[in-house]
């Protein structure tokens, strides 16, 4: 049974928690591949849509323009959150062990503490350091998870106006040969 009066037990729990946060942080960075797949899907028909909207002589429906601009805003929002997800963060690590078993120990010995008191103070100092690292890393992890959620959410939302753009693109020219050319040019 775990006792929260036992400093060794608290140290062990905090070290496990620190490891869990670091592993979870690296997993959030790995999720970017899912976003890349969504971005790739959304970019397949992008060039024909842009050509039809801005460079063709065909008069496009206002809803086609609205869908494209809405897609652009949602995609850009997703992309901004993706960049924030990939931006490196300063992960906090616990100080070197030398700080505890040499520097602080000498400080406490010079202050006249008994060895059992020094041991408790060193453990308490180490726990404080661990808790600070855990708090910092938890905040970083929460931010990265939030950036991923927003990037994914906006990317999924961008699919709806994108699909309407594709439908408009395919309906601009009802020639079936044209539709086959678009698919073959991919």
Protein backbone atom coordinates (compact mmCIF):
# COMPACT_ATOMS: atom_id res chain seq x y z
CA UNK A 1 0.00 0.00 0.00
CA UNK A 2 1.26 3.46 -0.91
CA UNK A 3 1.85 5.92 1.89
CA UNK A 4 2.07 9.57 1.05
CA UNK A 5 4.09 10.06 4.21
CA UNK A 6 6.84 7.94 2.69
CA UNK A 7 9.04 10.27 0.64
CA UNK A 8 10.56 7.40 -1.34
CA UNK A 9 7.09 6.40 -2.49
CA UNK A 10 6.31 9.98 -3.54
CA UNK A 11 9.59 10.17 -5.46
CA UNK A 12 8.79 6.93 -7.27
CA UNK A 13 5.28 8.11 -8.20
CA UNK A 14 6.54 11.46 -9.45
CA UNK A 15 9.31 9.89 -11.51
CA UNK A 16 6.75 7.60 -13.17
CA UNK A 17 4.47 10.56 -13.83
CA UNK A 18 7.37 12.56 -15.33
CA UNK A 19 8.15 9.66 -17.67
CA UNK A 20 4.50 9.34 -18.66
CA UNK A 21 4.28 13.04 -19.56
CA UNK A 22 7.45 12.88 -21.64
CA UNK A 23 6.17 9.82 -23.53
CA UNK A 24 2.77 11.46 -24.08
CA UNK A 25 4.49 14.60 -25.38
CA UNK A 26 6.38 12.58 -27.99
CA UNK A 27 3.19 10.78 -29.00
CA UNK A 28 1.45 14.09 -29.70
CA UNK A 29 4.27 15.00 -32.04
CA UNK A 30 3.81 11.67 -33.85
CA UNK A 31 0.15 12.47 -34.53
CA UNK A 32 1.19 15.03 -37.12
CA UNK A 33 1.23 12.22 -39.70
CA UNK A 34 -2.57 12.03 -39.46
CA UNK A 35 -2.78 15.71 -40.24
CA UNK A 36 -0.44 15.27 -43.20
CA UNK A 37 -2.75 12.60 -44.62
CA UNK A 38 -5.72 14.95 -44.30
CA UNK A 39 -3.76 17.79 -45.91
CA UNK A 40 -2.77 15.51 -48.78
CA UNK A 41 -6.37 14.48 -49.37
CA UNK A 42 -7.44 18.11 -49.35
CA UNK A 43 -4.76 19.13 -51.84
CA UNK A 44 -5.56 16.59 -54.58
CA UNK A 45 -8.06 18.67 -56.54
CA UNK A 46 -6.88 22.06 -55.33
CA UNK A 47 -5.17 23.16 -58.56
CA UNK A 48 -8.16 22.47 -60.87
CA UNK A 49 -10.42 24.30 -58.43
CA UNK A 50 -8.10 27.34 -58.33
CA UNK A 51 -7.82 27.31 -62.13
CA UNK A 52 -11.60 27.23 -62.52
CA UNK A 53 -12.18 29.98 -60.00
CA UNK A 54 -9.52 32.46 -60.99
CA UNK A 55 -8.11 31.62 -64.43
CA UNK A 56 -10.97 30.24 -66.51
CA UNK A 57 -13.46 32.17 -68.56
CA UNK A 58 -16.34 30.21 -67.07
CA UNK A 59 -18.48 32.33 -64.80
CA UNK A 60 -18.54 30.61 -61.41
CA UNK A 61 -21.36 30.59 -58.95
CA UNK A 62 -21.00 32.83 -55.85
CA UNK A 63 -21.43 29.76 -53.67
CA UNK A 64 -18.38 28.23 -55.35
CA UNK A 65 -16.34 31.30 -54.32
CA UNK A 66 -17.79 31.26 -50.82
CA UNK A 67 -16.97 27.56 -50.42
CA UNK A 68 -13.42 28.11 -51.61
CA UNK A 69 -12.80 31.04 -49.26
CA UNK A 70 -14.35 29.17 -46.34
CA UNK A 71 -12.12 26.22 -47.18
CA UNK A 72 -9.11 28.53 -47.28
CA UNK A 73 -9.88 30.04 -43.86
CA UNK A 74 -10.47 26.64 -42.24
CA UNK A 75 -7.40 25.10 -43.87
CA UNK A 76 -5.24 28.05 -42.85
CA UNK A 77 -6.52 27.79 -39.27
CA UNK A 78 -5.69 24.11 -39.22
CA UNK A 79 -2.27 24.76 -40.69
CA UNK A 80 -1.48 27.43 -38.08
CA UNK A 81 -2.36 25.04 -35.26
CA UNK A 82 -0.23 22.36 -36.93
CA UNK A 83 2.74 24.71 -36.94
CA UNK A 84 2.13 25.48 -33.28
CA UNK A 85 1.99 21.73 -32.64
CA UNK A 86 5.34 21.21 -34.34
CA UNK A 87 7.05 24.20 -32.74
CA UNK A 88 9.61 22.81 -30.31
CA UNK A 89 8.90 23.37 -26.65
CA UNK A 90 11.39 23.46 -23.83
CA UNK A 91 10.80 20.28 -21.91
CA UNK A 92 11.77 20.67 -18.29
CA UNK A 93 14.07 18.03 -16.90
CA UNK A 94 15.12 17.57 -13.31
CA UNK A 95 18.47 19.12 -12.37
CA UNK A 96 21.59 17.02 -12.34
CA UNK A 97 21.76 14.57 -9.43
CA UNK A 98 25.00 16.24 -8.34
CA UNK A 99 22.92 19.21 -7.17
CA UNK A 100 21.23 16.99 -4.63
CA UNK A 101 23.87 14.55 -3.45
CA UNK A 102 26.75 17.04 -3.39
CA UNK A 103 25.70 20.69 -3.41
CA UNK A 104 22.56 20.58 -1.27
CA UNK A 105 23.97 17.88 0.98
CA UNK A 106 27.02 20.04 1.77
CA UNK A 107 24.80 23.06 2.34
CA UNK A 108 22.68 21.14 4.85
CA UNK A 109 25.74 19.61 6.53
CA UNK A 110 27.32 23.04 6.92
CA UNK A 111 24.05 24.30 8.43
CA UNK A 112 24.40 21.77 11.26
CA UNK A 113 21.53 19.41 10.45
CA UNK A 114 21.66 15.78 11.56
CA UNK A 115 22.05 13.09 8.89
CA UNK A 116 18.46 11.88 9.15
CA UNK A 117 17.22 15.49 8.77
CA UNK A 118 19.55 16.01 5.80
CA UNK A 119 18.18 12.88 4.17
CA UNK A 120 14.59 14.12 4.57
CA UNK A 121 15.48 17.61 3.31
CA UNK A 122 17.28 16.19 0.26
CA UNK A 123 14.30 14.00 -0.56
CA UNK A 124 11.92 16.92 -0.10
CA UNK A 125 14.09 19.10 -2.36
CA UNK A 126 14.13 16.37 -5.00
CA UNK A 127 10.35 16.01 -4.76
CA UNK A 128 9.94 19.78 -5.20
CA UNK A 129 12.14 19.65 -8.29
CA UNK A 130 10.17 16.72 -9.70
CA UNK A 131 6.84 18.40 -9.05
CA UNK A 132 8.02 21.57 -10.75
CA UNK A 133 9.13 19.55 -13.79
CA UNK A 134 5.85 17.65 -13.86
CA UNK A 135 3.82 20.85 -13.65
CA UNK A 136 5.75 22.48 -16.48
CA UNK A 137 5.62 19.41 -18.69
CA UNK A 138 1.93 18.90 -18.03
CA UNK A 139 1.22 22.46 -19.19
CA UNK A 140 3.30 21.90 -22.34
CA UNK A 141 1.57 18.59 -23.03
CA UNK A 142 -1.89 20.13 -22.55
CA UNK A 143 -1.03 22.90 -25.01
CA UNK A 144 0.28 20.42 -27.62
CA UNK A 145 -2.81 18.23 -27.27
CA UNK A 146 -5.02 21.31 -27.68
CA UNK A 147 -3.08 22.40 -30.79
CA UNK A 148 -3.51 18.93 -32.29
CA UNK A 149 -7.25 18.86 -31.54
CA UNK A 150 -7.79 22.26 -33.12
CA UNK A 151 -5.67 21.42 -36.17
CA UNK A 152 -7.55 18.17 -36.68
CA UNK A 153 -10.94 19.79 -36.05
CA UNK A 154 -10.37 22.61 -38.54
CA UNK A 155 -8.97 20.18 -41.09
CA UNK A 156 -12.09 18.01 -40.86
CA UNK A 157 -14.31 21.09 -41.08
CA UNK A 158 -12.38 22.22 -44.15
CA UNK A 159 -13.37 19.00 -45.92
CA UNK A 160 -17.01 20.11 -46.24
CA UNK A 161 -16.42 23.30 -48.28
CA UNK A 162 -13.65 21.47 -50.12
CA UNK A 163 -16.04 18.72 -51.22
CA UNK A 164 -18.53 21.34 -52.38
CA UNK A 165 -15.72 22.96 -54.40
CA UNK A 166 -14.97 19.62 -56.03
CA UNK A 167 -18.64 19.13 -56.87
CA UNK A 168 -18.77 22.59 -58.46
CA UNK A 169 -15.52 21.87 -60.29
CA UNK A 170 -16.87 18.66 -61.76
CA UNK A 171 -20.17 20.31 -62.72
CA UNK A 172 -18.57 23.29 -64.49
CA UNK A 173 -17.71 21.18 -67.45
CA UNK A 174 -20.12 18.29 -67.96
CA UNK A 175 -17.82 16.66 -70.50
CA UNK A 176 -16.98 13.16 -69.15
CA UNK A 177 -13.59 13.26 -70.91
CA UNK A 178 -12.67 16.33 -68.84
CA UNK A 179 -13.54 14.51 -65.62
CA UNK A 180 -11.34 11.59 -66.61
CA UNK A 181 -8.48 13.98 -67.47
CA UNK A 182 -8.62 15.47 -63.97
CA UNK A 183 -8.33 12.06 -62.38
CA UNK A 184 -5.55 10.96 -64.76
CA UNK A 185 -3.53 14.13 -64.07
CA UNK A 186 -3.26 13.23 -60.42
